[in-house]
N, C-alpha and C. Protein backbone atom coordinates (compact mmCIF):
# COMPACT_ATOMS: atom_id res chain seq x y z
N MET A 1 -98.94 -14.37 -0.98
CA MET A 1 -98.79 -13.34 -1.97
C MET A 1 -97.47 -13.53 -2.38
N PRO A 2 -97.15 -13.69 -3.63
CA PRO A 2 -95.67 -13.95 -4.36
C PRO A 2 -94.90 -12.94 -4.08
N THR A 3 -93.57 -13.25 -4.14
CA THR A 3 -92.52 -12.26 -3.72
C THR A 3 -92.66 -11.11 -4.81
N SER A 4 -92.72 -11.37 -6.08
CA SER A 4 -92.72 -10.58 -6.94
C SER A 4 -93.77 -9.30 -6.81
N ASP A 5 -95.03 -9.68 -6.12
CA ASP A 5 -95.84 -8.76 -5.58
C ASP A 5 -95.51 -7.66 -4.75
N PHE A 6 -94.71 -8.34 -3.78
CA PHE A 6 -93.92 -7.66 -2.89
C PHE A 6 -93.06 -6.51 -3.28
N ARG A 7 -92.30 -6.95 -4.36
CA ARG A 7 -91.18 -6.12 -4.95
C ARG A 7 -92.05 -5.01 -5.67
N GLN A 8 -93.06 -5.18 -6.32
CA GLN A 8 -93.77 -4.53 -6.97
C GLN A 8 -94.64 -3.26 -6.01
N LEU A 9 -94.96 -3.90 -4.59
CA LEU A 9 -95.18 -2.81 -3.87
C LEU A 9 -94.24 -1.77 -3.22
N LEU A 10 -92.94 -2.38 -2.92
CA LEU A 10 -92.00 -1.67 -2.40
C LEU A 10 -91.36 -0.73 -3.21
N GLY A 11 -91.34 -1.29 -4.52
CA GLY A 11 -90.48 -0.30 -5.70
C GLY A 11 -88.85 -0.98 -5.63
N PRO A 12 -88.29 -0.31 -6.58
CA PRO A 12 -86.99 -1.01 -6.79
C PRO A 12 -86.22 -0.88 -5.20
N LEU A 13 -85.20 -1.90 -5.25
CA LEU A 13 -84.67 -2.22 -3.95
C LEU A 13 -83.35 -1.22 -4.02
N PRO A 14 -82.88 -0.51 -2.72
CA PRO A 14 -82.22 0.48 -2.79
C PRO A 14 -80.69 -0.01 -3.58
N HIS A 15 -80.25 -1.24 -3.16
CA HIS A 15 -79.00 -1.48 -3.89
C HIS A 15 -79.37 -1.63 -5.56
N ALA A 16 -80.42 -1.62 -5.81
CA ALA A 16 -80.53 -1.91 -7.23
C ALA A 16 -81.08 -0.45 -8.07
N ARG A 17 -80.94 0.48 -7.38
CA ARG A 17 -81.40 1.88 -7.98
C ARG A 17 -80.35 2.23 -8.79
N ASN A 18 -80.15 2.78 -9.92
CA ASN A 18 -79.38 3.26 -10.69
C ASN A 18 -79.23 4.87 -10.10
N ARG A 19 -78.06 5.22 -9.60
CA ARG A 19 -77.49 6.52 -9.20
C ARG A 19 -76.89 7.26 -10.34
N ALA A 20 -76.99 8.63 -10.37
CA ALA A 20 -76.43 9.36 -11.63
C ALA A 20 -75.00 9.64 -11.02
N PRO A 21 -74.14 9.86 -11.79
CA PRO A 21 -72.79 9.89 -11.38
C PRO A 21 -72.54 11.31 -10.67
N ARG A 22 -71.79 11.64 -9.57
CA ARG A 22 -71.64 12.78 -9.11
C ARG A 22 -70.84 13.51 -10.06
N PRO A 23 -71.05 14.92 -10.09
CA PRO A 23 -70.37 15.62 -10.80
C PRO A 23 -69.08 16.03 -10.08
N LYS A 24 -68.05 16.09 -10.73
CA LYS A 24 -66.59 16.61 -10.32
C LYS A 24 -66.84 17.91 -9.79
N PRO A 25 -66.19 17.93 -8.50
CA PRO A 25 -66.34 19.25 -7.80
C PRO A 25 -65.50 20.29 -8.50
N THR A 26 -66.12 21.68 -8.44
CA THR A 26 -65.57 22.75 -8.74
C THR A 26 -64.21 23.07 -8.29
N LEU A 27 -63.39 23.78 -9.04
CA LEU A 27 -62.32 24.55 -8.06
C LEU A 27 -62.53 25.14 -6.72
N GLN A 28 -63.51 25.97 -6.66
CA GLN A 28 -63.89 26.47 -5.53
C GLN A 28 -64.52 25.80 -4.27
N GLU A 29 -64.99 24.63 -4.92
CA GLU A 29 -65.68 23.71 -3.66
C GLU A 29 -64.34 22.75 -3.44
N HIS A 30 -63.55 22.23 -4.34
CA HIS A 30 -62.45 21.67 -3.96
C HIS A 30 -61.51 22.51 -2.87
N LEU A 31 -61.37 23.85 -3.17
CA LEU A 31 -60.70 24.57 -2.10
C LEU A 31 -61.25 24.84 -0.88
N ARG A 32 -62.67 25.07 -0.83
CA ARG A 32 -63.34 25.09 0.37
C ARG A 32 -63.37 23.94 1.09
N LEU A 33 -63.53 22.65 0.41
CA LEU A 33 -63.43 21.15 1.27
C LEU A 33 -61.92 20.95 1.79
N TRP A 34 -60.87 21.69 0.89
CA TRP A 34 -59.47 21.67 1.58
C TRP A 34 -59.33 22.64 2.85
N ARG A 35 -59.77 23.70 2.54
CA ARG A 35 -59.52 24.49 3.77
C ARG A 35 -60.29 24.09 5.00
N ARG A 36 -61.26 23.46 4.81
CA ARG A 36 -62.25 22.89 5.90
C ARG A 36 -61.06 21.75 6.57
N GLU A 37 -60.59 20.89 5.76
CA GLU A 37 -59.71 19.78 6.27
C GLU A 37 -58.32 20.56 6.78
N VAL A 38 -58.06 21.71 6.51
CA VAL A 38 -56.68 22.11 7.03
C VAL A 38 -57.16 22.73 8.29
N LEU A 39 -58.26 23.47 8.54
CA LEU A 39 -58.98 23.93 9.86
C LEU A 39 -59.13 22.80 11.01
N MET A 40 -59.62 21.77 10.26
CA MET A 40 -60.13 20.74 11.54
C MET A 40 -58.60 20.21 11.84
N LEU A 41 -57.58 20.13 10.93
CA LEU A 41 -56.54 19.42 11.37
C LEU A 41 -55.60 20.57 12.41
N ILE A 42 -55.92 21.81 12.25
CA ILE A 42 -55.31 22.84 13.26
C ILE A 42 -56.07 22.71 14.44
N ASN A 43 -57.12 22.45 14.61
CA ASN A 43 -58.16 22.43 15.95
C ASN A 43 -57.75 20.99 16.21
N GLU A 44 -57.55 19.96 15.68
CA GLU A 44 -57.04 18.57 16.41
C GLU A 44 -55.74 18.76 16.99
N ILE A 45 -55.03 19.80 16.43
CA ILE A 45 -53.57 19.88 16.85
C ILE A 45 -53.65 20.70 18.20
N ARG A 46 -54.11 21.59 18.39
CA ARG A 46 -54.65 22.56 19.27
C ARG A 46 -55.44 21.79 20.52
N TYR A 47 -56.23 20.86 19.99
CA TYR A 47 -57.10 20.14 21.00
C TYR A 47 -55.95 19.26 21.73
N THR A 48 -55.51 18.50 21.01
CA THR A 48 -54.42 17.38 20.98
C THR A 48 -53.31 18.02 22.16
N ALA A 49 -52.72 19.24 21.77
CA ALA A 49 -51.89 19.98 22.76
C ALA A 49 -52.58 19.94 24.18
N SER A 50 -53.68 20.48 24.02
CA SER A 50 -54.35 21.02 25.55
C SER A 50 -54.49 19.54 26.23
N ALA A 51 -55.25 18.59 25.66
CA ALA A 51 -55.29 17.20 26.24
C ALA A 51 -53.79 16.50 26.85
N LEU A 52 -52.85 16.59 26.14
CA LEU A 52 -51.40 16.39 26.72
C LEU A 52 -51.34 17.07 27.79
N ASP A 53 -51.22 18.43 27.86
CA ASP A 53 -51.08 19.16 29.03
C ASP A 53 -52.19 18.67 30.37
N LEU A 54 -53.52 18.44 29.98
CA LEU A 54 -54.20 17.95 30.99
C LEU A 54 -53.78 16.55 31.60
N ALA A 55 -53.55 15.75 30.59
CA ALA A 55 -53.22 14.58 31.08
C ALA A 55 -52.03 14.55 31.90
N ARG A 56 -51.05 15.19 31.54
CA ARG A 56 -49.66 15.38 32.32
C ARG A 56 -49.96 15.85 33.60
N GLN A 57 -50.84 16.81 33.48
CA GLN A 57 -51.21 17.44 35.26
C GLN A 57 -51.99 16.45 35.80
N ALA A 58 -53.19 15.52 35.24
CA ALA A 58 -53.77 14.56 35.81
C ALA A 58 -52.65 13.48 36.32
N VAL A 59 -51.77 13.03 35.83
CA VAL A 59 -50.80 12.07 36.11
C VAL A 59 -49.99 12.39 37.29
N ALA A 60 -49.47 13.92 37.05
CA ALA A 60 -48.93 14.55 38.17
C ALA A 60 -49.64 14.62 39.51
N ARG A 61 -50.97 14.92 39.50
CA ARG A 61 -51.82 14.96 40.38
C ARG A 61 -52.13 13.71 41.22
N ARG A 62 -52.27 12.64 40.15
CA ARG A 62 -52.61 11.12 40.77
C ARG A 62 -51.06 10.72 41.56
N ASP A 63 -49.87 11.21 41.15
CA ASP A 63 -48.77 10.66 41.87
C ASP A 63 -48.54 11.51 42.85
N GLY A 64 -48.99 12.72 43.21
CA GLY A 64 -48.83 13.58 44.34
C GLY A 64 -47.70 14.82 43.82
N ARG A 65 -47.35 14.73 42.22
CA ARG A 65 -46.26 15.93 41.96
C ARG A 65 -47.00 17.00 41.22
N TRP A 66 -46.07 17.94 41.08
CA TRP A 66 -46.61 18.94 40.04
C TRP A 66 -46.52 18.41 38.75
N GLY A 67 -47.35 18.96 37.95
CA GLY A 67 -47.46 18.62 36.54
C GLY A 67 -46.20 19.27 35.78
N PHE A 68 -45.95 20.67 36.19
CA PHE A 68 -45.11 21.54 35.43
C PHE A 68 -44.33 22.01 36.67
N ALA A 69 -42.94 22.03 36.49
CA ALA A 69 -41.90 22.76 37.49
C ALA A 69 -42.38 24.25 37.57
N GLY A 70 -42.49 24.54 38.80
CA GLY A 70 -42.78 25.73 39.00
C GLY A 70 -44.32 25.93 39.57
N GLY A 71 -45.17 24.91 39.17
CA GLY A 71 -46.56 24.97 39.22
C GLY A 71 -47.39 25.19 37.86
N ASN A 72 -46.88 25.89 36.92
CA ASN A 72 -47.59 25.99 35.56
C ASN A 72 -46.79 25.90 34.53
N ALA A 73 -47.69 25.97 33.19
CA ALA A 73 -46.70 25.63 31.99
C ALA A 73 -45.80 26.84 31.80
N ARG A 74 -46.35 27.99 31.96
CA ARG A 74 -45.27 29.26 31.57
C ARG A 74 -44.11 29.27 32.67
N ARG A 75 -44.38 29.24 33.89
CA ARG A 75 -43.15 29.14 34.69
C ARG A 75 -42.23 27.62 34.29
N HIS A 76 -42.71 26.56 33.95
CA HIS A 76 -41.89 25.66 33.44
C HIS A 76 -41.19 26.02 32.24
N GLU A 77 -41.56 26.86 31.30
CA GLU A 77 -40.97 27.13 30.05
C GLU A 77 -39.83 28.27 30.76
N ALA A 78 -40.28 28.98 31.63
CA ALA A 78 -39.00 29.98 31.91
C ALA A 78 -37.93 28.92 32.55
N LEU A 79 -38.37 28.22 33.28
CA LEU A 79 -37.04 27.03 33.84
C LEU A 79 -36.42 26.42 32.81
N GLN A 80 -36.94 25.87 31.82
CA GLN A 80 -36.51 25.23 30.95
C GLN A 80 -35.78 26.29 29.91
N ALA A 81 -35.90 27.47 29.86
CA ALA A 81 -35.25 28.52 29.09
C ALA A 81 -33.99 28.65 29.90
N LEU A 82 -34.08 29.00 31.08
CA LEU A 82 -33.07 29.31 31.87
C LEU A 82 -31.70 27.91 31.73
N SER A 83 -32.27 26.94 32.01
CA SER A 83 -31.39 25.80 31.93
C SER A 83 -30.54 25.65 30.60
N ARG A 84 -31.70 26.06 29.33
CA ARG A 84 -30.83 25.93 28.13
C ARG A 84 -29.72 26.91 28.05
N ARG A 85 -29.79 28.11 28.44
CA ARG A 85 -28.83 29.16 28.42
C ARG A 85 -27.80 29.07 29.15
N GLY A 86 -27.42 28.24 30.14
CA GLY A 86 -26.33 28.37 30.93
C GLY A 86 -26.56 28.72 32.56
N LEU A 87 -25.61 29.38 32.97
CA LEU A 87 -25.69 29.94 34.56
C LEU A 87 -26.58 31.18 34.65
N CYS A 88 -26.28 32.22 33.79
CA CYS A 88 -27.04 33.35 34.22
C CYS A 88 -27.70 34.00 32.75
N HIS A 89 -28.88 34.65 33.03
CA HIS A 89 -29.51 35.32 32.02
C HIS A 89 -30.17 36.25 32.34
N SER A 90 -30.28 37.53 31.72
CA SER A 90 -30.69 38.57 31.88
C SER A 90 -32.26 38.69 32.01
N ILE A 91 -32.84 39.38 32.38
CA ILE A 91 -34.51 39.40 32.50
C ILE A 91 -35.03 39.82 30.97
N SER A 92 -34.30 40.70 30.33
CA SER A 92 -34.51 40.98 28.91
C SER A 92 -34.38 40.00 27.94
N GLY A 93 -33.26 39.27 28.14
CA GLY A 93 -32.88 37.83 27.52
C GLY A 93 -34.32 36.55 27.81
N LEU A 94 -34.53 36.66 29.11
CA LEU A 94 -35.62 35.78 29.27
C LEU A 94 -37.12 36.24 28.74
N ALA A 95 -37.16 37.63 28.57
CA ALA A 95 -38.36 38.00 28.01
C ALA A 95 -38.34 37.53 26.45
N ARG A 96 -36.95 37.86 25.74
CA ARG A 96 -36.87 37.43 24.12
C ARG A 96 -37.21 35.88 24.10
N GLU A 97 -36.56 35.06 25.09
CA GLU A 97 -36.69 33.72 24.99
C GLU A 97 -38.25 33.10 24.95
N LEU A 98 -38.93 34.06 25.90
CA LEU A 98 -40.43 33.48 26.21
C LEU A 98 -41.35 34.46 25.09
N ARG A 99 -40.60 35.43 24.51
CA ARG A 99 -41.51 36.31 23.78
C ARG A 99 -42.74 36.89 24.20
N CYS A 100 -42.25 37.49 25.28
CA CYS A 100 -42.98 38.39 26.27
C CYS A 100 -42.32 39.63 26.48
N SER A 101 -43.18 40.53 27.17
CA SER A 101 -42.49 41.86 27.63
C SER A 101 -41.45 41.56 28.92
N ARG A 102 -40.64 42.59 28.79
CA ARG A 102 -39.81 42.58 30.09
C ARG A 102 -40.24 42.64 31.44
N GLN A 103 -41.34 43.15 31.61
CA GLN A 103 -42.26 43.70 32.57
C GLN A 103 -42.65 41.95 33.14
N ALA A 104 -43.54 41.48 32.15
CA ALA A 104 -44.02 40.08 32.30
C ALA A 104 -43.00 39.13 32.77
N ALA A 105 -41.63 39.13 32.06
CA ALA A 105 -40.50 38.29 32.50
C ALA A 105 -40.15 38.72 33.99
N HIS A 106 -40.03 39.90 34.15
CA HIS A 106 -39.86 40.08 35.50
C HIS A 106 -40.86 39.51 36.63
N ARG A 107 -41.92 39.83 36.18
CA ARG A 107 -42.99 39.24 37.25
C ARG A 107 -42.72 37.68 37.40
N LEU A 108 -42.60 37.02 36.13
CA LEU A 108 -42.51 35.73 36.09
C LEU A 108 -41.27 35.17 37.02
N ALA A 109 -40.12 35.80 36.90
CA ALA A 109 -38.74 35.32 37.44
C ALA A 109 -38.96 35.67 38.90
N THR A 110 -39.63 36.73 39.48
CA THR A 110 -40.13 37.00 40.73
C THR A 110 -40.68 36.08 41.38
N ALA A 111 -41.87 35.51 40.80
CA ALA A 111 -42.63 34.69 41.23
C ALA A 111 -41.80 33.25 41.67
N LEU A 112 -40.89 32.93 40.64
CA LEU A 112 -39.86 31.76 40.62
C LEU A 112 -39.07 32.04 41.78
N GLU A 113 -38.45 33.27 42.05
CA GLU A 113 -37.69 33.48 43.03
C GLU A 113 -38.29 33.23 44.45
N GLN A 114 -39.81 33.60 44.71
CA GLN A 114 -40.33 33.37 45.72
C GLN A 114 -40.39 31.96 46.26
N GLN A 115 -40.56 31.21 44.96
CA GLN A 115 -40.57 29.62 45.13
C GLN A 115 -39.19 29.06 45.40
N GLY A 116 -38.09 29.86 45.34
CA GLY A 116 -36.76 29.36 45.67
C GLY A 116 -36.39 28.45 44.28
N LEU A 117 -36.94 28.67 43.30
CA LEU A 117 -36.48 27.96 41.86
C LEU A 117 -35.40 28.96 41.36
N VAL A 118 -35.33 30.03 41.27
CA VAL A 118 -34.27 30.92 40.65
C VAL A 118 -33.80 31.94 41.66
N SER A 119 -32.58 32.43 41.25
CA SER A 119 -32.22 33.81 42.35
C SER A 119 -31.98 34.89 41.17
N ILE A 120 -32.16 35.86 41.54
CA ILE A 120 -32.05 37.18 40.81
C ILE A 120 -31.08 37.99 41.64
N GLU A 121 -30.09 38.60 40.85
CA GLU A 121 -28.84 39.20 41.40
C GLU A 121 -28.99 40.73 40.30
N PRO A 122 -28.37 41.41 41.12
CA PRO A 122 -28.11 42.82 40.04
C PRO A 122 -26.93 42.42 39.20
N GLY A 123 -26.78 43.18 38.21
CA GLY A 123 -25.65 42.95 37.31
C GLY A 123 -24.30 43.60 38.03
N PRO A 124 -23.03 43.15 37.48
CA PRO A 124 -21.98 43.78 38.21
C PRO A 124 -21.68 45.16 37.63
N ARG A 125 -21.87 45.51 36.38
CA ARG A 125 -21.45 46.86 36.05
C ARG A 125 -22.68 47.90 35.97
N ALA A 126 -24.00 47.36 35.44
CA ALA A 126 -25.17 48.30 35.61
C ALA A 126 -26.21 47.73 36.65
N ARG A 127 -26.12 48.53 37.75
CA ARG A 127 -27.30 47.74 38.72
C ARG A 127 -28.74 47.81 38.22
N ARG A 128 -29.07 48.21 37.11
CA ARG A 128 -30.52 48.21 36.55
C ARG A 128 -30.75 47.01 35.74
N SER A 129 -29.67 46.22 35.56
CA SER A 129 -29.89 44.95 34.84
C SER A 129 -29.91 43.78 35.90
N LEU A 130 -30.75 43.09 35.54
CA LEU A 130 -30.87 41.91 36.82
C LEU A 130 -30.59 40.43 35.71
N TYR A 131 -29.69 39.80 36.57
CA TYR A 131 -29.39 38.44 36.11
C TYR A 131 -30.41 37.31 36.99
N VAL A 132 -30.82 36.27 36.12
CA VAL A 132 -31.55 35.36 36.63
C VAL A 132 -30.71 34.01 36.54
N GLN A 133 -30.36 33.14 37.76
CA GLN A 133 -29.94 31.99 37.74
C GLN A 133 -30.93 30.97 37.88
N LEU A 134 -30.58 29.76 37.47
CA LEU A 134 -31.62 28.79 37.94
C LEU A 134 -30.98 27.98 39.32
N SER A 135 -31.55 28.04 40.21
CA SER A 135 -31.47 27.46 41.63
C SER A 135 -31.15 25.71 41.53
N THR A 136 -30.40 25.32 42.49
CA THR A 136 -30.29 23.91 42.50
C THR A 136 -31.75 23.17 42.73
N ARG A 137 -32.45 23.77 43.48
CA ARG A 137 -33.83 23.36 43.57
C ARG A 137 -34.68 23.44 42.49
N GLY A 138 -34.32 24.47 41.58
CA GLY A 138 -35.18 24.80 40.28
C GLY A 138 -34.58 23.62 39.44
N ALA A 139 -33.54 23.17 39.11
CA ALA A 139 -32.87 22.19 38.35
C ALA A 139 -33.44 20.81 38.78
N ARG A 140 -33.54 20.64 40.22
CA ARG A 140 -33.93 19.38 40.58
C ARG A 140 -35.66 19.12 40.17
N GLU A 141 -36.35 20.32 40.36
CA GLU A 141 -37.83 20.19 40.07
C GLU A 141 -38.03 20.27 38.49
N LEU A 142 -37.10 20.90 38.00
CA LEU A 142 -37.29 20.61 36.43
C LEU A 142 -36.90 19.26 36.08
N ALA A 143 -35.78 18.84 36.44
CA ALA A 143 -35.64 17.28 36.02
C ALA A 143 -36.95 16.28 36.37
N SER A 144 -37.21 16.42 37.89
CA SER A 144 -38.41 15.72 38.17
C SER A 144 -39.74 16.02 37.13
N ALA A 145 -40.07 17.13 36.84
CA ALA A 145 -41.42 17.49 36.15
C ALA A 145 -41.05 16.79 34.55
N GLU A 146 -39.78 16.84 34.11
CA GLU A 146 -39.42 16.25 32.80
C GLU A 146 -39.41 14.66 32.94
N GLN A 147 -39.08 14.27 34.06
CA GLN A 147 -39.18 12.58 34.40
C GLN A 147 -40.89 12.10 34.46
N ASP A 148 -41.40 13.03 34.89
CA ASP A 148 -42.91 12.83 35.06
C ASP A 148 -43.70 12.83 33.57
N ALA A 149 -43.44 13.94 32.95
CA ALA A 149 -43.49 14.17 31.45
C ALA A 149 -43.50 12.87 30.70
N HIS A 150 -42.30 12.38 30.95
CA HIS A 150 -41.67 11.41 30.44
C HIS A 150 -42.58 10.03 30.54
N LEU A 151 -42.76 9.92 31.80
CA LEU A 151 -43.77 8.79 32.01
C LEU A 151 -45.45 9.05 31.66
N CYS A 152 -45.91 10.16 31.55
CA CYS A 152 -47.07 10.40 30.90
C CYS A 152 -47.22 10.08 29.30
N LEU A 153 -46.15 10.33 28.70
CA LEU A 153 -46.02 10.42 27.42
C LEU A 153 -45.87 8.92 26.93
N ASP A 154 -45.02 8.05 27.74
CA ASP A 154 -45.02 6.70 27.67
C ASP A 154 -46.42 6.10 27.80
N ALA A 155 -47.32 6.35 28.74
CA ALA A 155 -48.74 6.08 28.92
C ALA A 155 -49.41 6.35 27.86
N ILE A 156 -49.27 7.52 27.14
CA ILE A 156 -49.93 8.04 26.08
C ILE A 156 -50.03 7.35 24.73
N GLY A 157 -48.52 7.20 24.68
CA GLY A 157 -47.92 6.40 23.29
C GLY A 157 -47.98 5.12 23.17
N ASP A 158 -48.34 4.52 24.48
CA ASP A 158 -48.35 3.03 24.54
C ASP A 158 -48.73 2.13 23.29
N GLU A 159 -49.88 2.55 22.79
CA GLU A 159 -50.58 1.82 21.72
C GLU A 159 -50.18 2.49 20.01
N LEU A 160 -49.48 3.41 20.26
CA LEU A 160 -49.01 3.94 18.94
C LEU A 160 -47.94 3.28 18.33
N LYS A 161 -48.03 3.04 16.89
CA LYS A 161 -46.82 2.67 16.60
C LYS A 161 -45.82 3.35 15.92
N ALA A 162 -44.61 3.45 15.79
CA ALA A 162 -43.41 4.09 15.69
C ALA A 162 -43.85 4.83 14.21
N GLY A 163 -44.23 4.06 13.35
CA GLY A 163 -44.34 4.57 12.01
C GLY A 163 -45.55 5.68 11.80
N GLU A 164 -46.64 5.40 12.50
CA GLU A 164 -47.91 6.39 12.86
C GLU A 164 -47.19 7.93 13.20
N MET A 165 -46.44 7.39 14.48
CA MET A 165 -45.92 8.99 14.92
C MET A 165 -44.95 9.35 14.16
N ARG A 166 -44.05 8.83 13.49
CA ARG A 166 -43.32 9.40 12.65
C ARG A 166 -44.02 10.12 11.38
N ALA A 167 -44.98 9.37 10.73
CA ALA A 167 -45.68 9.96 9.68
C ALA A 167 -46.44 11.43 10.17
N LEU A 168 -46.90 11.39 11.33
CA LEU A 168 -47.81 12.43 11.75
C LEU A 168 -46.85 13.48 12.16
N GLY A 169 -45.29 13.21 12.54
CA GLY A 169 -44.39 14.01 12.83
C GLY A 169 -43.99 14.87 11.72
N VAL A 170 -43.91 14.02 10.57
CA VAL A 170 -43.59 14.53 9.14
C VAL A 170 -44.37 15.55 8.72
N ALA A 171 -45.59 15.14 8.83
CA ALA A 171 -46.75 16.03 8.42
C ALA A 171 -46.89 17.34 9.30
N LEU A 172 -46.87 17.32 10.55
CA LEU A 172 -46.87 18.57 11.48
C LEU A 172 -45.63 19.34 10.91
N ARG A 173 -44.30 18.74 10.91
CA ARG A 173 -43.30 19.43 10.28
C ARG A 173 -43.36 20.44 8.95
N ARG A 174 -44.09 19.48 8.15
CA ARG A 174 -44.41 20.27 6.95
C ARG A 174 -45.42 21.38 7.30
N ILE A 175 -46.29 21.50 7.96
CA ILE A 175 -47.20 22.35 8.04
C ILE A 175 -46.38 23.55 8.88
N ARG A 176 -45.73 23.29 9.76
CA ARG A 176 -44.91 24.22 10.58
C ARG A 176 -43.92 24.87 9.60
N GLU A 177 -43.34 24.37 8.67
CA GLU A 177 -42.52 25.05 7.56
C GLU A 177 -43.42 25.81 6.70
N ARG A 178 -44.53 25.38 6.14
CA ARG A 178 -45.50 26.43 5.33
C ARG A 178 -45.88 27.28 6.17
N ALA A 179 -45.97 27.37 7.53
CA ALA A 179 -46.77 28.62 8.30
C ALA A 179 -45.40 29.50 8.32
N ALA A 180 -44.41 28.98 8.56
CA ALA A 180 -43.09 29.79 8.83
C ALA A 180 -42.90 30.70 7.47
N ALA A 181 -42.92 29.86 6.44
CA ALA A 181 -42.81 30.38 5.13
C ALA A 181 -43.71 31.75 4.57
N LEU A 182 -45.07 31.51 5.10
CA LEU A 182 -45.87 32.68 5.16
C LEU A 182 -45.76 33.77 5.81
N ARG A 183 -44.75 33.99 7.10
CA ARG A 183 -44.49 34.78 7.95
C ARG A 183 -43.41 35.56 7.08
N ARG A 184 -42.39 35.01 6.26
CA ARG A 184 -41.31 35.52 5.55
C ARG A 184 -41.85 36.63 4.47
């Protein structure tokens, strides 16, 4: 059977078909697609942040260290806030820094004190106000956890180019600025 007979049986070949041009998307379709892309990007940011935390913990467990100073991310964040603010910090100031209630900040500070990472002392004038200080052990554990985080980041960013990271940083900064503008 000649090849022309096969072509008649099969019909036109896929690459030879004439396709109608796609109509341009309407504004509503364009917005819907755009919103879907933004949502996917936000989800990727969330998943990436979670993956980074899990990787940090995995590297820390592998090396026999804590992934975060104090044992978890919230306590680590409290220790970082105390280290940035100087020698003493009130419970209410810590609550403002962590964006939580004073009761939650007090519970967190108490847990850190039980671990020996901070000291809590009554205020000199008002006995009801409590001051939280980062202890020497707390500063040491915070520095160790930060060093572990740097090792983890080195392992993660090993194959990324500086230009790629910079472009992503610019895009994330623009997203953060736009989100902040919406809050005003």
